[in-house]
Amino acid sequence: MSKPQVTDDPMPEAYDFHAIEERWQQVWESSKTFAAPDDDPREKLYVLQMFPYPSGDLHAGHVRNYVIGDAVARYWR
């Protein structure tokens, strides 16, 4: 296993999320991390897959329903 790194740098009093978020957003923007190519000539298709309701436990019926939507989306892809 690797040895943990120890540093003498003091931990900042507060997390400067503005500076950190701004830096990473610039990195993502310049590298087009979240850009999807839009050169597919096929008609666009939107498949809505509903989230499970938190009011009950997940069971095998949920799996069946989610697999159906996933299979349809993958077929049309």
Protein backbone atom coordinates (compact mmCIF):
# COMPACT_ATOMS: atom_id res chain seq x y z
CA MET A 1 0.00 0.00 0.00
CA SER A 2 1.09 3.55 -0.53
CA LYS A 3 2.24 5.66 2.35
CA PRO A 4 -0.02 8.62 3.21
CA GLN A 5 1.47 11.98 2.36
CA VAL A 6 2.06 14.37 5.24
CA THR A 7 2.28 18.09 4.68
CA ASP A 8 3.15 21.02 6.90
CA ASP A 9 0.81 23.35 5.01
CA PRO A 10 -1.87 24.71 7.32
CA MET A 11 -5.44 23.91 6.44
CA PRO A 12 -7.36 27.01 5.32
CA GLU A 13 -9.93 28.37 7.76
CA ALA A 14 -12.68 28.39 5.13
CA TYR A 15 -13.27 26.57 1.86
CA ASP A 16 -13.01 29.07 -1.00
CA PHE A 17 -15.49 27.36 -3.28
CA HIS A 18 -15.76 30.34 -5.65
CA ALA A 19 -12.09 30.13 -6.63
CA ILE A 20 -12.07 26.34 -6.88
CA GLU A 21 -15.33 26.10 -8.83
CA GLU A 22 -14.30 28.89 -11.19
CA ARG A 23 -10.99 27.15 -11.93
CA TRP A 24 -12.60 23.81 -12.67
CA GLN A 25 -15.39 25.33 -14.76
CA GLN A 26 -12.73 26.98 -16.93
CA VAL A 27 -10.90 23.66 -17.30
CA TRP A 28 -14.12 21.88 -18.27
CA GLU A 29 -15.11 24.64 -20.69
CA SER A 30 -11.73 24.71 -22.45
CA SER A 31 -11.58 20.91 -22.77
CA LYS A 32 -15.28 20.68 -23.75
CA THR A 33 -15.78 18.02 -21.10
CA PHE A 34 -19.58 18.18 -21.21
CA ALA A 35 -20.02 18.90 -24.92
CA ALA A 36 -21.72 16.19 -26.92
CA PRO A 37 -21.27 15.99 -30.69
CA ASP A 38 -24.38 17.04 -32.60
CA ASP A 39 -23.52 15.60 -36.00
CA ASP A 40 -25.77 12.53 -36.00
CA PRO A 41 -28.18 12.75 -38.96
CA ARG A 42 -30.79 10.60 -37.25
CA GLU A 43 -33.91 12.09 -35.68
CA LYS A 44 -33.47 12.88 -31.99
CA LEU A 45 -35.22 10.61 -29.50
CA TYR A 46 -35.85 11.27 -25.82
CA VAL A 47 -36.51 8.30 -23.54
CA LEU A 48 -37.75 9.27 -20.09
CA GLN A 49 -36.75 6.83 -17.38
CA MET A 50 -38.58 7.58 -14.14
CA PHE A 51 -36.77 7.52 -10.81
CA PRO A 52 -37.97 5.14 -8.10
CA TYR A 53 -40.22 6.69 -5.49
CA PRO A 54 -38.54 6.87 -2.07
CA SER A 55 -41.72 5.82 -0.28
CA GLY A 56 -41.04 2.09 -0.63
CA ASP A 57 -38.33 -0.52 -0.92
CA LEU A 58 -36.89 -1.43 -4.29
CA HIS A 59 -37.88 -4.86 -5.58
CA ALA A 60 -37.60 -7.03 -8.72
CA GLY A 61 -40.49 -5.20 -10.39
CA HIS A 62 -38.44 -2.02 -10.41
CA VAL A 63 -35.61 -3.81 -12.21
CA ARG A 64 -37.96 -5.08 -14.90
CA ASN A 65 -39.41 -1.64 -15.53
CA TYR A 66 -36.03 0.07 -15.72
CA VAL A 67 -34.57 -2.61 -17.99
CA ILE A 68 -37.40 -2.07 -20.47
CA GLY A 69 -36.67 1.67 -20.80
CA ASP A 70 -32.94 1.05 -20.97
CA ALA A 71 -33.37 -1.58 -23.71
CA VAL A 72 -35.56 0.76 -25.78
CA ALA A 73 -33.04 3.60 -25.49
CA ARG A 74 -30.13 1.34 -26.42
CA TYR A 75 -32.05 -0.12 -29.37
CA TRP A 76 -32.71 3.32 -30.82
CA ARG A 77 -29.13 4.43 -30.18
